[in-house]
Amino acid sequence: MFSIRFGYATLIVTSFCFCVSRYPADVFERSKIHSVLDWHHSNLRPGPVTIVRNTVLAPALGRPFNPEAAAEGEKFLSASLSKIETVWLKDNGRFLLGRNQPSIADVSLVCDIMQLELLEDSDRDRLLGRYEKVQQWIENTRNATNPHFDEVHKILMKAKAKRQNQQLKGENHGGGGSDMKKPLLSRI
C-alpha cells in the first residue's frame, strides 16, 4: 500500500490528482512553485508561528509571555512579507509567480499568514498594514479557493471569536481581560 503522511508531499499528490491547476503538469512551472515552497520553510513560516506561539498560545496555556521571541518573529515576518511583495508577487498576475490562479504555494503561504488572525486586530493590522499587495493576494486566494478556504480556517476563526469574547467579558467585569491579552512588543 502506498502511503504519504507529511507536508508538501501530501499536498502535491492530492493537488496533482484532484486539482491540476494548483500543481501544474509543466515541469518548469512546478520548479518555480517548489522554489517558493522551499523558501517558505525557512523564511515566512517562523514569523507567524513564533509571534502567535509567544503572544497568544503560551499565555493561554499558562506559559510565560515572551516579548523577545515575539519581536524576533516580527523581524522574520516583516522581511518575508517584503520579499513576497517585491519578488513573489510580480508581474500582472493575482497570485505568486505572476500566475492568474492560485497554486499550492499560494495556499500554503496564506495559511501561515492566517495564523495572525489570532492576534488583536490592531496588532494584525500593524503587522500587515503596509503590505497592500500581500493583503490583496490573501483575499484573492481566499476568493479563488472558497468555500474550502473558509472551511479549513473555521477552527481558527472560532478560536479568534472565543478569544475576543473572553477579552470583552474581562473588560466588562472590571478585570483587565484575560491573561492572554498581552501587548505585542516589537523591535521593528
Protein backbone atom coordinates (compact mmCIF):
# COMPACT_ATOMS: atom_id res chain seq x y z
CA MET A 1 0.00 0.00 0.00
CA PHE A 2 1.25 3.47 -0.91
CA SER A 3 1.19 5.97 1.96
CA ILE A 4 2.33 9.58 2.30
CA ARG A 5 1.88 11.23 5.66
CA PHE A 6 3.54 14.61 5.80
CA GLY A 7 3.57 18.13 4.49
CA TYR A 8 4.09 19.14 0.93
CA ALA A 9 4.27 15.57 -0.37
CA THR A 10 0.62 15.05 0.61
CA LEU A 11 -0.36 18.43 -0.79
CA ILE A 12 1.42 17.76 -4.09
CA VAL A 13 -0.09 14.31 -4.61
CA THR A 14 -3.58 15.49 -3.70
CA SER A 15 -3.33 18.55 -5.93
CA PHE A 16 -1.90 16.60 -8.83
CA CYS A 17 -4.70 14.03 -8.61
CA PHE A 18 -7.65 16.31 -7.92
CA CYS A 19 -6.80 19.89 -8.82
CA VAL A 20 -4.16 20.10 -11.53
CA SER A 21 -4.35 23.91 -11.65
CA ARG A 22 -2.88 24.09 -8.12
CA TYR A 23 0.09 21.94 -9.19
CA PRO A 24 0.61 22.21 -12.96
CA ALA A 25 1.89 19.41 -15.17
CA ASP A 26 4.57 21.62 -16.72
CA VAL A 27 7.90 20.81 -15.04
CA PHE A 28 9.18 24.40 -15.39
CA GLU A 29 6.06 25.76 -13.64
CA ARG A 30 6.41 23.12 -10.93
CA SER A 31 10.02 24.06 -10.29
CA LYS A 32 9.01 27.68 -9.72
CA ILE A 33 6.33 26.57 -7.27
CA HIS A 34 8.88 24.37 -5.47
CA SER A 35 11.25 27.32 -5.15
CA VAL A 36 8.54 29.27 -3.30
CA LEU A 37 7.73 26.27 -1.09
CA ASP A 38 11.41 25.76 -0.25
CA TRP A 39 11.79 29.46 0.58
CA HIS A 40 8.64 29.32 2.73
CA HIS A 41 10.02 26.80 5.23
CA SER A 42 12.90 28.88 6.49
CA ASN A 43 11.61 32.37 5.80
CA LEU A 44 7.89 33.04 6.18
CA ARG A 45 6.90 30.15 8.44
CA PRO A 46 8.98 31.10 11.52
CA GLY A 47 7.43 34.59 11.67
CA PRO A 48 3.72 33.93 12.28
CA VAL A 49 4.41 30.73 14.25
CA THR A 50 6.80 32.49 16.65
CA ILE A 51 4.56 35.53 17.11
CA VAL A 52 1.38 33.55 17.79
CA ARG A 53 3.13 30.97 19.96
CA ASN A 54 4.68 33.62 22.19
CA THR A 55 1.85 36.15 22.42
CA VAL A 56 -1.36 34.11 22.28
CA LEU A 57 -0.75 30.40 22.79
CA ALA A 58 1.83 30.49 25.58
CA PRO A 59 -0.26 32.69 27.90
CA ALA A 60 -3.40 30.67 27.07
CA LEU A 61 -1.55 27.51 28.11
CA GLY A 62 -0.21 29.06 31.32
CA ARG A 63 3.27 29.64 29.97
CA PRO A 64 5.07 32.98 30.18
CA PHE A 65 4.64 35.64 27.54
CA ASN A 66 7.94 36.03 25.64
CA PRO A 67 8.26 39.52 24.10
CA GLU A 68 11.83 38.90 22.87
CA ALA A 69 10.75 35.84 20.88
CA ALA A 70 7.72 37.71 19.54
CA ALA A 71 9.99 40.54 18.38
CA GLU A 72 12.22 38.03 16.57
CA GLY A 73 9.13 36.59 14.91
CA GLU A 74 8.15 40.07 13.78
CA LYS A 75 11.56 40.53 12.13
CA PHE A 76 11.12 37.25 10.22
CA LEU A 77 7.58 38.20 9.26
CA SER A 78 8.47 41.71 8.08
CA ALA A 79 11.38 40.50 5.95
CA SER A 80 9.24 37.72 4.50
CA LEU A 81 6.27 39.93 3.67
CA SER A 82 8.62 42.38 1.96
CA LYS A 83 10.07 39.54 -0.11
CA ILE A 84 6.62 38.24 -1.03
CA GLU A 85 5.57 41.70 -2.13
CA THR A 86 8.70 42.55 -4.14
CA VAL A 87 9.74 39.14 -5.52
CA TRP A 88 6.99 36.53 -5.44
CA LEU A 89 4.02 38.82 -6.25
CA LYS A 90 5.25 40.12 -9.53
CA ASP A 91 4.00 40.89 -12.99
CA ASN A 92 0.28 41.25 -13.59
CA GLY A 93 -0.90 38.02 -12.00
CA ARG A 94 -3.12 37.95 -8.94
CA PHE A 95 -1.10 35.15 -7.32
CA LEU A 96 2.50 34.18 -6.60
CA LEU A 97 4.89 33.98 -9.55
CA GLY A 98 2.59 36.16 -11.63
CA ARG A 99 0.04 33.37 -12.00
CA ASN A 100 -3.63 34.02 -12.71
CA GLN A 101 -4.78 31.17 -10.48
CA PRO A 102 -3.51 30.01 -7.09
CA SER A 103 -1.02 27.19 -6.72
CA ILE A 104 -0.24 25.04 -3.71
CA ALA A 105 2.39 27.67 -2.86
CA ASP A 106 -0.28 30.38 -2.56
CA VAL A 107 -2.43 28.18 -0.34
CA SER A 108 0.47 27.15 1.87
CA LEU A 109 1.88 30.64 2.43
CA VAL A 110 -1.52 32.24 3.00
CA CYS A 111 -2.39 29.58 5.58
CA ASP A 112 0.68 30.52 7.62
CA ILE A 113 -0.19 34.21 7.45
CA MET A 114 -3.76 33.41 8.53
CA GLN A 115 -2.40 32.44 11.97
CA LEU A 116 -2.14 36.18 12.60
CA GLU A 117 -5.95 36.24 12.87
CA LEU A 118 -5.45 35.11 16.48
CA LEU A 119 -3.76 38.40 17.35
CA GLU A 120 -5.51 41.55 18.45
CA ASP A 121 -6.91 43.25 15.34
CA SER A 122 -4.69 46.27 15.95
CA ASP A 123 -1.56 44.09 16.11
CA ARG A 124 -2.50 42.14 13.00
CA ASP A 125 -3.24 45.39 11.15
CA ARG A 126 0.07 46.84 12.31
CA LEU A 127 1.96 43.79 11.03
CA LEU A 128 0.17 43.51 7.68
CA GLY A 129 -0.98 47.09 7.10
CA ARG A 130 1.83 48.37 4.92
CA TYR A 131 1.77 45.30 2.65
CA GLU A 132 -1.15 46.15 0.37
CA LYS A 133 -0.18 43.65 -2.33
CA VAL A 134 0.06 40.89 0.27
CA GLN A 135 -3.36 41.76 1.69
CA GLN A 136 -4.91 41.72 -1.79
CA TRP A 137 -3.20 38.40 -2.58
CA ILE A 138 -4.60 36.86 0.63
CA GLU A 139 -8.08 38.00 -0.37
CA ASN A 140 -7.57 36.74 -3.95
CA THR A 141 -6.50 33.34 -2.60
CA ARG A 142 -9.48 33.20 -0.25
CA ASN A 143 -11.91 34.08 -3.03
CA ALA A 144 -10.39 31.64 -5.52
CA THR A 145 -10.41 28.71 -3.11
CA ASN A 146 -13.70 29.26 -1.27
CA PRO A 147 -15.71 27.59 0.15
CA HIS A 148 -12.78 25.33 1.05
CA PHE A 149 -10.66 28.20 2.39
CA ASP A 150 -13.28 29.21 4.94
CA GLU A 151 -13.93 25.58 5.88
CA VAL A 152 -10.24 24.94 6.57
CA HIS A 153 -9.97 28.10 8.66
CA LYS A 154 -13.24 27.60 10.57
CA ILE A 155 -11.49 26.38 13.74
CA LEU A 156 -9.04 29.29 13.61
CA MET A 157 -11.88 31.79 13.31
CA LYS A 158 -13.79 30.12 16.19
CA ALA A 159 -10.67 30.40 18.36
CA LYS A 160 -10.38 34.07 17.40
CA ALA A 161 -14.02 34.73 18.30
CA LYS A 162 -13.66 32.87 21.61
CA ARG A 163 -10.56 34.86 22.49
CA GLN A 164 -12.28 38.16 21.67
CA ASN A 165 -15.34 37.18 23.74
CA GLN A 166 -13.15 36.29 26.73
CA GLN A 167 -11.44 39.66 26.50
CA LEU A 168 -14.76 41.50 26.28
CA LYS A 169 -16.09 39.65 29.32
CA GLY A 170 -12.97 40.54 31.28
CA GLU A 171 -13.23 44.20 30.33
CA ASN A 172 -16.96 44.34 31.15
CA HIS A 173 -16.42 42.84 34.61
CA GLY A 174 -13.74 45.30 35.64
CA GLY A 175 -10.93 42.85 35.08
CA GLY A 176 -8.19 43.67 32.68
CA GLY A 177 -9.33 40.92 30.31
CA SER A 178 -7.80 37.50 30.29
CA ASP A 179 -4.12 36.95 30.77
CA MET A 180 -3.99 36.25 27.03
CA LYS A 181 -4.34 39.96 26.34
CA LYS A 182 -0.72 40.99 26.46
CA PRO A 183 0.82 43.79 24.43
CA LEU A 184 2.72 42.65 21.37
CA LEU A 185 6.11 44.28 21.79
CA SER A 186 8.27 44.89 18.78
CA ARG A 187 11.77 45.96 17.97
CA ILE A 188 10.93 46.74 14.35
